[in-house]
């Protein structure tokens, strides 16, 4: 093993055998105005949802406001991103100046390059296999996943409803105080007004929307038991899932029961491994018993192996009958 020379020359063998990645320093830079810089990243879910398979995350560097867009295909990334540029220009009167993203081909392609050049947008990409340079979007994805997973577990909802929980998680995160903004909210930093918490409800709880407008006759029920799916982006109302017809009802005339969850009454609570698609841990653990202590690996509770057929006992050897002695 060689020792470090005095002239600080580089040892070729050490670089081949002991090379490590350089450390990352904390970035303290931040955009001064809204939409001077946005961060983008694409997350893929292996679980098929009702509205999409993937989602695109867009974060404004100045206000920390986040937008999420469920996508069906990775090729839908550029149309959604170009529509977001038009949305920002119309609603806020601002022009996006720079885009920070990873090295994915959904952002770096001929079509997107031409669009960025035509609009004078600076494209800032991370180095290949260096996701740390897109750290703000990566951390936001982790925060959104944690919130989404918590909402699904609390409501005992199956993982196929992750897109609805994602929209609700985004709605909540934009209205929660953050230390980056000195305990202000991203909603206030972007819109300049305080968010309203009056209309917030518990995700997945029981709710009863009014159905008088669509009732077939006057003796029909005026409501039905539904599960609360979140807030409609296009209406000033709530999204309610009718469990009998699997139909989404949008209404503002909704009565909530935030102490019960309809999905928890339909089936038992989901096992801890059902929503592992939202985690980065590849190891699986054996679920604990009802008392909270881990159980040994083996068949699950209530499962019994088939009993083997009885083995017949060997027959006893025959004993010859005694004979009388000869006289």
C-alpha atoms as a PDB file:
ATOM      1  CA  UNK A   1       0.000   0.000   0.000  1.00  0.00           C
ATOM      2  CA  UNK A   2       1.436   3.328  -1.037  1.00  0.00           C
ATOM      3  CA  UNK A   3       1.783   6.309   1.245  1.00  0.00           C
ATOM      4  CA  UNK A   4       0.793   9.826   0.306  1.00  0.00           C
ATOM      5  CA  UNK A   5       3.767  11.558  -1.365  1.00  0.00           C
ATOM      6  CA  UNK A   6       5.024  14.916  -0.233  1.00  0.00           C
ATOM      7  CA  UNK A   7       4.407  16.629  -3.553  1.00  0.00           C
ATOM      8  CA  UNK A   8       0.631  15.839  -3.429  1.00  0.00           C
ATOM      9  CA  UNK A   9       0.761  14.012  -6.719  1.00  0.00           C
ATOM     10  CA  UNK A  10      -2.156  11.723  -7.590  1.00  0.00           C
ATOM     11  CA  UNK A  11      -1.611   8.013  -7.248  1.00  0.00           C
ATOM     12  CA  UNK A  12      -3.111   6.259 -10.262  1.00  0.00           C
ATOM     13  CA  UNK A  13      -3.639   2.922  -8.474  1.00  0.00           C
ATOM     14  CA  UNK A  14      -5.359   4.582  -5.508  1.00  0.00           C
ATOM     15  CA  UNK A  15      -7.752   6.421  -7.803  1.00  0.00           C
ATOM     16  CA  UNK A  16      -8.712   3.156  -9.463  1.00  0.00           C
ATOM     17  CA  UNK A  17      -9.144   1.216  -6.236  1.00  0.00           C
ATOM     18  CA  UNK A  18     -10.283   3.782  -3.658  1.00  0.00           C
ATOM     19  CA  UNK A  19     -12.115   6.515  -5.567  1.00  0.00           C
ATOM     20  CA  UNK A  20     -15.158   7.889  -3.703  1.00  0.00           C
ATOM     21  CA  UNK A  21     -17.738  10.538  -4.496  1.00  0.00           C
ATOM     22  CA  UNK A  22     -16.994  14.088  -3.483  1.00  0.00           C
ATOM     23  CA  UNK A  23     -19.068  15.553  -0.614  1.00  0.00           C
ATOM     24  CA  UNK A  24     -22.039  17.814  -1.288  1.00  0.00           C
ATOM     25  CA  UNK A  25     -22.298  21.240   0.296  1.00  0.00           C
ATOM     26  CA  UNK A  26     -25.592  22.743   1.424  1.00  0.00           C
ATOM     27  CA  UNK A  27     -26.992  25.200  -1.087  1.00  0.00           C
ATOM     28  CA  UNK A  28     -28.107  28.497   0.419  1.00  0.00           C
ATOM     29  CA  UNK A  29     -29.110  30.148  -2.854  1.00  0.00           C
ATOM     30  CA  UNK A  30     -32.764  30.988  -3.372  1.00  0.00           C
ATOM     31  CA  UNK A  31     -34.738  32.802  -6.034  1.00  0.00           C
ATOM     32  CA  UNK A  32     -35.742  36.343  -5.142  1.00  0.00           C
ATOM     33  CA  UNK A  33     -38.947  36.487  -7.202  1.00  0.00           C
ATOM     34  CA  UNK A  34     -41.606  33.895  -7.821  1.00  0.00           C
ATOM     35  CA  UNK A  35     -41.102  31.697 -10.903  1.00  0.00           C
ATOM     36  CA  UNK A  36     -37.538  32.854 -11.424  1.00  0.00           C
ATOM     37  CA  UNK A  37     -36.673  29.179 -10.901  1.00  0.00           C
ATOM     38  CA  UNK A  38     -38.836  26.063 -10.732  1.00  0.00           C
ATOM     39  CA  UNK A  39     -37.790  22.525  -9.799  1.00  0.00           C
ATOM     40  CA  UNK A  40     -39.232  19.537 -11.656  1.00  0.00           C
ATOM     41  CA  UNK A  41     -39.079  15.814 -11.107  1.00  0.00           C
ATOM     42  CA  UNK A  42     -41.022  12.746 -12.210  1.00  0.00           C
ATOM     43  CA  UNK A  43     -41.972   9.925  -9.848  1.00  0.00           C
ATOM     44  CA  UNK A  44     -43.235   6.556 -11.058  1.00  0.00           C
ATOM     45  CA  UNK A  45     -45.690   4.419  -9.121  1.00  0.00           C
ATOM     46  CA  UNK A  46     -45.813   0.666  -9.733  1.00  0.00           C
ATOM     47  CA  UNK A  47     -49.425   0.599  -8.510  1.00  0.00           C
ATOM     48  CA  UNK A  48     -52.080   1.442 -11.082  1.00  0.00           C
ATOM     49  CA  UNK A  49     -54.307   4.214  -9.809  1.00  0.00           C
ATOM     50  CA  UNK A  50     -57.674   5.503 -10.904  1.00  0.00           C
ATOM     51  CA  UNK A  51     -56.310   8.548 -12.749  1.00  0.00           C
ATOM     52  CA  UNK A  52     -52.700   7.789 -13.640  1.00  0.00           C
ATOM     53  CA  UNK A  53     -49.537   5.807 -13.176  1.00  0.00           C
ATOM     54  CA  UNK A  54     -46.953   8.538 -12.533  1.00  0.00           C
ATOM     55  CA  UNK A  55     -46.946  12.094 -11.294  1.00  0.00           C
ATOM     56  CA  UNK A  56     -44.949  15.211 -12.094  1.00  0.00           C
ATOM     57  CA  UNK A  57     -43.834  17.516  -9.285  1.00  0.00           C
ATOM     58  CA  UNK A  58     -43.219  21.224  -9.896  1.00  0.00           C
ATOM     59  CA  UNK A  59     -41.928  23.490  -7.118  1.00  0.00           C
ATOM     60  CA  UNK A  60     -41.451  27.238  -7.169  1.00  0.00           C
ATOM     61  CA  UNK A  61     -38.057  27.977  -5.617  1.00  0.00           C
ATOM     62  CA  UNK A  62     -39.116  31.308  -4.104  1.00  0.00           C
ATOM     63  CA  UNK A  63     -42.493  30.488  -2.522  1.00  0.00           C
ATOM     64  CA  UNK A  64     -42.018  26.696  -2.118  1.00  0.00           C
ATOM     65  CA  UNK A  65     -45.505  26.231  -3.564  1.00  0.00           C
ATOM     66  CA  UNK A  66     -45.864  22.784  -5.122  1.00  0.00           C
ATOM     67  CA  UNK A  67     -47.995  21.443  -7.973  1.00  0.00           C
ATOM     68  CA  UNK A  68     -48.503  17.745  -8.724  1.00  0.00           C
ATOM     69  CA  UNK A  69     -49.878  16.337 -11.975  1.00  0.00           C
ATOM     70  CA  UNK A  70     -50.814  12.640 -12.362  1.00  0.00           C
ATOM     71  CA  UNK A  71     -49.593  11.351 -15.723  1.00  0.00           C
ATOM     72  CA  UNK A  72     -50.529   8.262 -17.666  1.00  0.00           C
ATOM     73  CA  UNK A  73     -47.368   8.154 -19.783  1.00  0.00           C
ATOM     74  CA  UNK A  74     -43.903   9.600 -19.404  1.00  0.00           C
ATOM     75  CA  UNK A  75     -44.355  11.267 -22.787  1.00  0.00           C
ATOM     76  CA  UNK A  76     -47.079  13.454 -21.227  1.00  0.00           C
ATOM     77  CA  UNK A  77     -44.426  15.347 -19.257  1.00  0.00           C
ATOM     78  CA  UNK A  78     -43.675  18.007 -21.856  1.00  0.00           C
ATOM     79  CA  UNK A  79     -47.335  18.855 -22.706  1.00  0.00           C
ATOM     80  CA  UNK A  80     -48.085  19.296 -18.998  1.00  0.00           C
ATOM     81  CA  UNK A  81     -44.954  21.397 -18.513  1.00  0.00           C
ATOM     82  CA  UNK A  82     -45.747  23.646 -21.498  1.00  0.00           C
ATOM     83  CA  UNK A  83     -49.309  24.115 -20.240  1.00  0.00           C
ATOM     84  CA  UNK A  84     -47.890  25.079 -16.848  1.00  0.00           C
ATOM     85  CA  UNK A  85     -45.847  27.824 -18.522  1.00  0.00           C
ATOM     86  CA  UNK A  86     -49.054  29.235 -20.020  1.00  0.00           C
ATOM     87  CA  UNK A  87     -50.849  28.939 -16.661  1.00  0.00           C
ATOM     88  CA  UNK A  88     -48.143  30.945 -14.873  1.00  0.00           C
ATOM     89  CA  UNK A  89     -48.151  33.652 -17.531  1.00  0.00           C
ATOM     90  CA  UNK A  90     -51.928  34.051 -17.465  1.00  0.00           C
ATOM     91  CA  UNK A  91     -52.633  33.731 -13.747  1.00  0.00           C
ATOM     92  CA  UNK A  92     -49.584  35.456 -12.254  1.00  0.00           C
ATOM     93  CA  UNK A  93     -48.268  37.600 -15.114  1.00  0.00           C
ATOM     94  CA  UNK A  94     -44.805  36.053 -14.693  1.00  0.00           C
ATOM     95  CA  UNK A  95     -42.399  34.339 -17.025  1.00  0.00           C
ATOM     96  CA  UNK A  96     -40.528  31.252 -15.864  1.00  0.00           C
ATOM     97  CA  UNK A  97     -36.840  32.004 -16.292  1.00  0.00           C
ATOM     98  CA  UNK A  98     -35.102  28.747 -15.307  1.00  0.00           C
ATOM     99  CA  UNK A  99     -35.973  25.077 -14.881  1.00  0.00           C
ATOM    100  CA  UNK A 100     -34.012  22.759 -12.587  1.00  0.00           C
ATOM    101  CA  UNK A 101     -34.497  19.039 -13.272  1.00  0.00           C
ATOM    102  CA  UNK A 102     -32.659  15.744 -13.383  1.00  0.00           C
ATOM    103  CA  UNK A 103     -31.009  14.174 -16.413  1.00  0.00           C
ATOM    104  CA  UNK A 104     -34.162  12.324 -17.527  1.00  0.00           C
ATOM    105  CA  UNK A 105     -35.099  12.202 -21.195  1.00  0.00           C
ATOM    106  CA  UNK A 106     -38.604  13.451 -20.390  1.00  0.00           C
ATOM    107  CA  UNK A 107     -36.991  16.872 -19.790  1.00  0.00           C
ATOM    108  CA  UNK A 108     -33.957  16.751 -22.067  1.00  0.00           C
ATOM    109  CA  UNK A 109     -35.192  16.046 -25.590  1.00  0.00           C
ATOM    110  CA  UNK A 110     -35.373  17.885 -28.882  1.00  0.00           C
ATOM    111  CA  UNK A 111     -38.918  19.146 -28.372  1.00  0.00           C
ATOM    112  CA  UNK A 112     -38.351  20.511 -24.881  1.00  0.00           C
ATOM    113  CA  UNK A 113     -34.992  21.988 -25.871  1.00  0.00           C
ATOM    114  CA  UNK A 114     -36.614  23.875 -28.740  1.00  0.00           C
ATOM    115  CA  UNK A 115     -39.378  25.117 -26.428  1.00  0.00           C
ATOM    116  CA  UNK A 116     -36.930  26.365 -23.808  1.00  0.00           C
ATOM    117  CA  UNK A 117     -34.795  28.105 -26.410  1.00  0.00           C
ATOM    118  CA  UNK A 118     -37.826  29.772 -28.022  1.00  0.00           C
ATOM    119  CA  UNK A 119     -38.977  31.123 -24.647  1.00  0.00           C
ATOM    120  CA  UNK A 120     -35.535  32.068 -23.347  1.00  0.00           C
ATOM    121  CA  UNK A 121     -35.687  29.570 -20.476  1.00  0.00           C
ATOM    122  CA  UNK A 122     -32.466  28.392 -18.878  1.00  0.00           C
ATOM    123  CA  UNK A 123     -32.380  24.598 -18.447  1.00  0.00           C
ATOM    124  CA  UNK A 124     -30.341  23.446 -15.459  1.00  0.00           C
ATOM    125  CA  UNK A 125     -29.911  19.667 -15.201  1.00  0.00           C
ATOM    126  CA  UNK A 126     -28.188  17.538 -12.617  1.00  0.00           C
ATOM    127  CA  UNK A 127     -25.231  15.380 -13.596  1.00  0.00           C
ATOM    128  CA  UNK A 128     -26.032  11.780 -14.590  1.00  0.00           C
ATOM    129  CA  UNK A 129     -26.624   9.543 -11.559  1.00  0.00           C
ATOM    130  CA  UNK A 130     -26.392  12.561  -9.231  1.00  0.00           C
ATOM    131  CA  UNK A 131     -29.885  13.103  -7.889  1.00  0.00           C
ATOM    132  CA  UNK A 132     -28.488  15.172  -5.010  1.00  0.00           C
ATOM    133  CA  UNK A 133     -28.153  18.134  -7.371  1.00  0.00           C
ATOM    134  CA  UNK A 134     -31.934  18.084  -7.746  1.00  0.00           C
ATOM    135  CA  UNK A 135     -32.329  17.809  -3.986  1.00  0.00           C
ATOM    136  CA  UNK A 136     -35.229  20.205  -3.498  1.00  0.00           C
ATOM    137  CA  UNK A 137     -37.523  18.227  -5.769  1.00  0.00           C
ATOM    138  CA  UNK A 138     -36.302  14.920  -4.301  1.00  0.00           C
ATOM    139  CA  UNK A 139     -37.011  16.066  -0.738  1.00  0.00           C
ATOM    140  CA  UNK A 140     -40.431  17.343  -1.747  1.00  0.00           C
ATOM    141  CA  UNK A 141     -41.272  13.968  -3.281  1.00  0.00           C
ATOM    142  CA  UNK A 142     -40.295  12.303  -0.003  1.00  0.00           C
ATOM    143  CA  UNK A 143     -42.496  14.721   1.958  1.00  0.00           C
ATOM    144  CA  UNK A 144     -45.453  14.189  -0.369  1.00  0.00           C
ATOM    145  CA  UNK A 145     -45.023  10.411  -0.234  1.00  0.00           C
ATOM    146  CA  UNK A 146     -44.965  10.441   3.565  1.00  0.00           C
ATOM    147  CA  UNK A 147     -48.161  12.485   3.685  1.00  0.00           C
ATOM    148  CA  UNK A 148     -49.860  10.375   1.006  1.00  0.00           C
ATOM    149  CA  UNK A 149     -48.971   7.148   2.764  1.00  0.00           C
ATOM    150  CA  UNK A 150     -50.261   8.482   6.099  1.00  0.00           C
ATOM    151  CA  UNK A 151     -53.582   9.542   4.592  1.00  0.00           C
ATOM    152  CA  UNK A 152     -54.128   6.121   3.023  1.00  0.00           C
ATOM    153  CA  UNK A 153     -53.282   4.250   6.206  1.00  0.00           C
ATOM    154  CA  UNK A 154     -55.518   6.424   8.374  1.00  0.00           C
ATOM    155  CA  UNK A 155     -58.478   5.951   6.047  1.00  0.00           C
ATOM    156  CA  UNK A 156     -57.751   2.203   5.516  1.00  0.00           C
ATOM    157  CA  UNK A 157     -58.002   2.836   1.783  1.00  0.00           C
ATOM    158  CA  UNK A 158     -56.354   0.569  -0.828  1.00  0.00           C
ATOM    159  CA  UNK A 159     -53.231   1.786  -2.576  1.00  0.00           C
ATOM    160  CA  UNK A 160     -55.093   2.290  -5.873  1.00  0.00           C
ATOM    161  CA  UNK A 161     -56.433   5.575  -4.426  1.00  0.00           C
ATOM    162  CA  UNK A 162     -52.944   7.067  -4.113  1.00  0.00           C
ATOM    163  CA  UNK A 163     -53.702   9.724  -6.758  1.00  0.00           C
ATOM    164  CA  UNK A 164     -56.591  11.123  -4.682  1.00  0.00           C
ATOM    165  CA  UNK A 165     -54.465  11.065  -1.546  1.00  0.00           C
ATOM    166  CA  UNK A 166     -51.679  12.760  -3.526  1.00  0.00           C
ATOM    167  CA  UNK A 167     -53.932  15.672  -4.478  1.00  0.00           C
ATOM    168  CA  UNK A 168     -55.054  16.070  -0.868  1.00  0.00           C
ATOM    169  CA  UNK A 169     -51.461  15.890   0.400  1.00  0.00           C
ATOM    170  CA  UNK A 170     -50.429  18.626  -2.044  1.00  0.00           C
ATOM    171  CA  UNK A 171     -53.371  20.761  -0.912  1.00  0.00           C
ATOM    172  CA  UNK A 172     -52.335  20.390   2.729  1.00  0.00           C
ATOM    173  CA  UNK A 173     -48.585  20.919   2.250  1.00  0.00           C
ATOM    174  CA  UNK A 174     -49.173  24.240   0.494  1.00  0.00           C
ATOM    175  CA  UNK A 175     -51.125  25.428   3.544  1.00  0.00           C
ATOM    176  CA  UNK A 176     -48.780  24.225   6.278  1.00  0.00           C
ATOM    177  CA  UNK A 177     -46.128  26.525   7.803  1.00  0.00           C
ATOM    178  CA  UNK A 178     -42.528  25.736   6.909  1.00  0.00           C
ATOM    179  CA  UNK A 179     -39.253  26.763   8.549  1.00  0.00           C
ATOM    180  CA  UNK A 180     -37.787  27.713   5.169  1.00  0.00           C
ATOM    181  CA  UNK A 181     -40.314  30.568   4.962  1.00  0.00           C
ATOM    182  CA  UNK A 182     -39.867  31.482   8.651  1.00  0.00           C
ATOM    183  CA  UNK A 183     -43.033  29.586   9.643  1.00  0.00           C
ATOM    184  CA  UNK A 184     -45.082  31.171   6.873  1.00  0.00           C
ATOM    185  CA  UNK A 185     -47.040  29.130   4.337  1.00  0.00           C
ATOM    186  CA  UNK A 186     -46.298  28.589   0.631  1.00  0.00           C
ATOM    187  CA  UNK A 187     -49.863  29.702  -0.120  1.00  0.00           C
ATOM    188  CA  UNK A 188     -49.228  33.105   1.458  1.00  0.00           C
ATOM    189  CA  UNK A 189     -45.824  33.443  -0.216  1.00  0.00           C
ATOM    190  CA  UNK A 190     -47.362  32.871  -3.646  1.00  0.00           C
ATOM    191  CA  UNK A 191     -50.782  34.546  -3.406  1.00  0.00           C
ATOM    192  CA  UNK A 192     -50.118  37.168  -0.722  1.00  0.00           C
ATOM    193  CA  UNK A 193     -53.238  36.176   1.238  1.00  0.00           C
ATOM    194  CA  UNK A 194     -53.665  33.876   4.213  1.00  0.00           C
ATOM    195  CA  UNK A 195     -55.072  30.420   3.430  1.00  0.00           C
ATOM    196  CA  UNK A 196     -58.450  29.377   4.768  1.00  0.00           C
ATOM    197  CA  UNK A 197     -58.663  26.275   6.958  1.00  0.00           C
ATOM    198  CA  UNK A 198     -62.422  26.351   7.414  1.00  0.00           C
ATOM    199  CA  UNK A 199     -63.168  23.882   4.615  1.00  0.00           C
ATOM    200  CA  UNK A 200     -60.539  21.273   5.536  1.00  0.00           C
ATOM    201  CA  UNK A 201     -61.900  17.793   6.283  1.00  0.00           C
ATOM    202  CA  UNK A 202     -60.364  14.445   7.199  1.00  0.00           C
ATOM    203  CA  UNK A 203     -59.386  12.451   4.143  1.00  0.00           C
ATOM    204  CA  UNK A 204     -61.328   9.217   3.686  1.00  0.00           C
ATOM    205  CA  UNK A 205     -63.907   9.915   6.375  1.00  0.00           C
ATOM    206  CA  UNK A 206     -67.630   9.238   6.038  1.00  0.00           C
ATOM    207  CA  UNK A 207     -69.639  11.916   4.286  1.00  0.00           C
ATOM    208  CA  UNK A 208     -73.196  12.366   3.034  1.00  0.00           C
ATOM    209  CA  UNK A 209     -73.706  14.545  -0.072  1.00  0.00           C
ATOM    210  CA  UNK A 210     -77.114  15.883  -0.962  1.00  0.00           C
ATOM    211  CA  UNK A 211     -78.816  13.950  -3.794  1.00  0.00           C
ATOM    212  CA  UNK A 212     -82.214  15.625  -3.996  1.00  0.00           C
ATOM    213  CA  UNK A 213     -81.494  17.004  -7.484  1.00  0.00           C
ATOM    214  CA  UNK A 214     -80.961  13.519  -8.925  1.00  0.00           C
ATOM    215  CA  UNK A 215     -83.434  11.534  -6.809  1.00  0.00           C
ATOM    216  CA  UNK A 216     -85.785   9.403  -8.974  1.00  0.00           C
ATOM    217  CA  UNK A 217     -88.827  10.136  -6.801  1.00  0.00           C
ATOM    218  CA  UNK A 218     -89.797  11.858  -3.562  1.00  0.00           C
ATOM    219  CA  UNK A 219     -89.501   8.702  -1.464  1.00  0.00           C
ATOM    220  CA  UNK A 220     -85.925   7.991  -2.592  1.00  0.00           C
ATOM    221  CA  UNK A 221     -83.051   8.573  -0.146  1.00  0.00           C
ATOM    222  CA  UNK A 222     -81.834  12.147  -0.077  1.00  0.00           C
ATOM    223  CA  UNK A 223     -78.215  11.104   0.529  1.00  0.00           C
ATOM    224  CA  UNK A 224     -75.924   8.090   0.581  1.00  0.00           C
ATOM    225  CA  UNK A 225     -72.863   7.009   2.521  1.00  0.00           C
ATOM    226  CA  UNK A 226     -69.662   8.100   0.747  1.00  0.00           C
ATOM    227  CA  UNK A 227     -65.941   8.343   1.412  1.00  0.00           C
ATOM    228  CA  UNK A 228     -64.335  11.780   1.237  1.00  0.00           C
ATOM    229  CA  UNK A 229     -61.762  11.845  -1.611  1.00  0.00           C
ATOM    230  CA  UNK A 230     -60.576  15.442  -1.397  1.00  0.00           C
ATOM    231  CA  UNK A 231     -61.233  18.824  -2.923  1.00  0.00           C
ATOM    232  CA  UNK A 232     -62.280  19.453  -6.507  1.00  0.00           C
ATOM    233  CA  UNK A 233     -59.764  21.657  -8.371  1.00  0.00           C
ATOM    234  CA  UNK A 234     -62.453  22.911 -10.769  1.00  0.00           C
ATOM    235  CA  UNK A 235     -65.362  23.379  -8.337  1.00  0.00           C
ATOM    236  CA  UNK A 236     -65.925  24.930  -4.958  1.00  0.00           C
ATOM    237  CA  UNK A 237     -66.992  21.628  -3.500  1.00  0.00           C
ATOM    238  CA  UNK A 238     -65.940  18.228  -2.220  1.00  0.00           C
ATOM    239  CA  UNK A 239     -65.296  14.938  -4.031  1.00  0.00           C
ATOM    240  CA  UNK A 240     -67.266  12.074  -2.502  1.00  0.00           C
ATOM    241  CA  UNK A 241     -66.963   8.424  -3.530  1.00  0.00           C
ATOM    242  CA  UNK A 242     -70.253   6.512  -3.538  1.00  0.00           C
ATOM    243  CA  UNK A 243     -69.282   3.068  -2.260  1.00  0.00           C
ATOM    244  CA  UNK A 244     -72.327   1.325  -3.730  1.00  0.00           C
ATOM    245  CA  UNK A 245     -71.950   2.595  -7.316  1.00  0.00           C
ATOM    246  CA  UNK A 246     -68.234   3.529  -7.254  1.00  0.00           C
ATOM    247  CA  UNK A 247     -69.215   6.948  -8.600  1.00  0.00           C
ATOM    248  CA  UNK A 248     -67.560  10.253  -7.615  1.00  0.00           C
ATOM    249  CA  UNK A 249     -70.064  12.905  -6.531  1.00  0.00           C
ATOM    250  CA  UNK A 250     -68.991  16.560  -6.473  1.00  0.00           C
ATOM    251  CA  UNK A 251     -71.099  18.693  -4.148  1.00  0.00           C
ATOM    252  CA  UNK A 252     -70.882  21.531  -1.667  1.00  0.00           C
ATOM    253  CA  UNK A 253     -73.861  20.269   0.354  1.00  0.00           C
ATOM    254  CA  UNK A 254     -71.982  17.607   2.294  1.00  0.00           C
ATOM    255  CA  UNK A 255     -72.304  16.505   5.912  1.00  0.00           C
ATOM    256  CA  UNK A 256     -69.140  14.911   7.346  1.00  0.00           C
ATOM    257  CA  UNK A 257     -68.596  12.303  10.040  1.00  0.00           C
ATOM    258  CA  UNK A 258     -64.851  12.608  10.665  1.00  0.00           C
ATOM    259  CA  UNK A 259     -64.830   9.904  13.330  1.00  0.00           C
ATOM    260  CA  UNK A 260     -65.592   6.959  11.028  1.00  0.00           C
ATOM    261  CA  UNK A 261     -63.979   5.686   7.839  1.00  0.00           C
ATOM    262  CA  UNK A 262     -66.108   3.613   5.434  1.00  0.00           C
ATOM    263  CA  UNK A 263     -63.197   1.583   4.065  1.00  0.00           C
ATOM    264  CA  UNK A 264     -62.247   0.402   7.544  1.00  0.00           C
ATOM    265  CA  UNK A 265     -65.743  -1.067   7.888  1.00  0.00           C
ATOM    266  CA  UNK A 266     -65.592  -2.910   4.567  1.00  0.00           C
ATOM    267  CA  UNK A 267     -62.374  -4.811   5.126  1.00  0.00           C
ATOM    268  CA  UNK A 268     -59.633  -5.133   7.756  1.00  0.00           C
ATOM    269  CA  UNK A 269     -56.811  -2.651   7.988  1.00  0.00           C
ATOM    270  CA  UNK A 270     -54.216  -2.971   5.201  1.00  0.00           C
ATOM    271  CA  UNK A 271     -51.054  -4.827   6.103  1.00  0.00           C
ATOM    272  CA  UNK A 272     -47.931  -2.713   6.555  1.00  0.00           C
ATOM    273  CA  UNK A 273     -46.453  -3.995   3.276  1.00  0.00           C
ATOM    274  CA  UNK A 274     -49.404  -2.983   1.065  1.00  0.00           C
ATOM    275  CA  UNK A 275     -48.127   0.578   0.562  1.00  0.00           C
ATOM    276  CA  UNK A 276     -44.432  -0.251   0.281  1.00  0.00           C
ATOM    277  CA  UNK A 277     -44.425   1.329  -3.194  1.00  0.00           C
ATOM    278  CA  UNK A 278     -44.224   4.739  -1.479  1.00  0.00           C
ATOM    279  CA  UNK A 279     -41.043   3.859   0.411  1.00  0.00           C
ATOM    280  CA  UNK A 280     -37.455   3.354  -0.617  1.00  0.00           C
ATOM    281  CA  UNK A 281     -36.868   0.432   1.759  1.00  0.00           C
ATOM    282  CA  UNK A 282     -36.545  -2.854  -0.074  1.00  0.00           C
ATOM    283  CA  UNK A 283     -36.448  -5.020   3.052  1.00  0.00           C
ATOM    284  CA  UNK A 284     -39.650  -6.681   4.174  1.00  0.00           C
ATOM    285  CA  UNK A 285     -40.356  -7.277   7.850  1.00  0.00           C
ATOM    286  CA  UNK A 286     -42.664  -9.791   9.417  1.00  0.00           C
ATOM    287  CA  UNK A 287     -45.848  -8.015  10.597  1.00  0.00           C
ATOM    288  CA  UNK A 288     -46.219  -7.901  14.395  1.00  0.00           C
ATOM    289  CA  UNK A 289     -48.884  -9.620  16.381  1.00  0.00           C
ATOM    290  CA  UNK A 290     -51.833  -7.778  17.860  1.00  0.00           C
ATOM    291  CA  UNK A 291     -49.849  -7.117  21.049  1.00  0.00           C
ATOM    292  CA  UNK A 292     -47.205  -5.184  19.124  1.00  0.00           C
ATOM    293  CA  UNK A 293     -44.328  -7.651  19.574  1.00  0.00           C
ATOM    294  CA  UNK A 294     -42.678  -9.078  16.484  1.00  0.00           C
ATOM    295  CA  UNK A 295     -43.498 -12.661  15.705  1.00  0.00           C
ATOM    296  CA  UNK A 296     -41.187 -15.268  14.342  1.00  0.00           C
ATOM    297  CA  UNK A 297     -41.164 -15.941  10.634  1.00  0.00           C
ATOM    298  CA  UNK A 298     -43.592 -18.655   9.643  1.00  0.00           C
ATOM    299  CA  UNK A 299     -47.164 -19.113   8.442  1.00  0.00           C
ATOM    300  CA  UNK A 300     -49.467 -16.126   9.112  1.00  0.00           C
ATOM    301  CA  UNK A 301     -51.954 -16.177  12.003  1.00  0.00           C
ATOM    302  CA  UNK A 302     -55.010 -18.318  11.318  1.00  0.00           C
ATOM    303  CA  UNK A 303     -53.173 -20.456   8.766  1.00  0.00           C
ATOM    304  CA  UNK A 304     -52.737 -24.155   9.555  1.00  0.00           C
ATOM    305  CA  UNK A 305     -50.693 -26.636   7.592  1.00  0.00           C
ATOM    306  CA  UNK A 306     -52.461 -29.807   6.415  1.00  0.00           C
ATOM    307  CA  UNK A 307     -52.211 -32.598   8.965  1.00  0.00           C
ATOM    308  CA  UNK A 308     -50.220 -35.606   7.670  1.00  0.00           C
ATOM    309  CA  UNK A 309     -52.060 -38.937   7.433  1.00  0.00           C
ATOM    310  CA  UNK A 310     -51.689 -41.198  10.490  1.00  0.00           C
ATOM    311  CA  UNK A 311     -48.937 -43.751  10.289  1.00  0.00           C
ATOM    312  CA  UNK A 312     -50.231 -47.289  11.135  1.00  0.00           C
ATOM    313  CA  UNK A 313     -48.543 -48.925  14.069  1.00  0.00           C
ATOM    314  CA  UNK A 314     -46.626 -52.127  13.310  1.00  0.00           C
ATOM    315  CA  UNK A 315     -48.553 -55.289  14.144  1.00  0.00           C
ATOM    316  CA  UNK A 316     -47.330 -57.358  17.098  1.00  0.00           C
ATOM    317  CA  UNK A 317     -45.642 -60.681  16.165  1.00  0.00           C
ATOM    318  CA  UNK A 318     -47.868 -63.735  16.446  1.00  0.00           C
ATOM    319  CA  UNK A 319     -47.147 -65.953  19.496  1.00  0.00           C
ATOM    320  CA  UNK A 320     -47.598 -69.714  18.872  1.00  0.00           C
ATOM    321  CA  UNK A 321     -50.106 -71.504  21.125  1.00  0.00           C
ATOM    322  CA  UNK A 322     -48.511 -73.770  23.805  1.00  0.00           C
ATOM    323  CA  UNK A 323     -48.632 -77.517  23.070  1.00  0.00           C
ATOM    324  CA  UNK A 324     -49.024 -80.297  25.684  1.00  0.00           C
ATOM    325  CA  UNK A 325     -45.886 -82.325  26.425  1.00  0.00           C
ATOM    326  CA  UNK A 326     -45.732 -85.860  25.006  1.00  0.00           C
ATOM    327  CA  UNK A 327     -46.248 -88.785  27.501  1.00  0.00           C
END
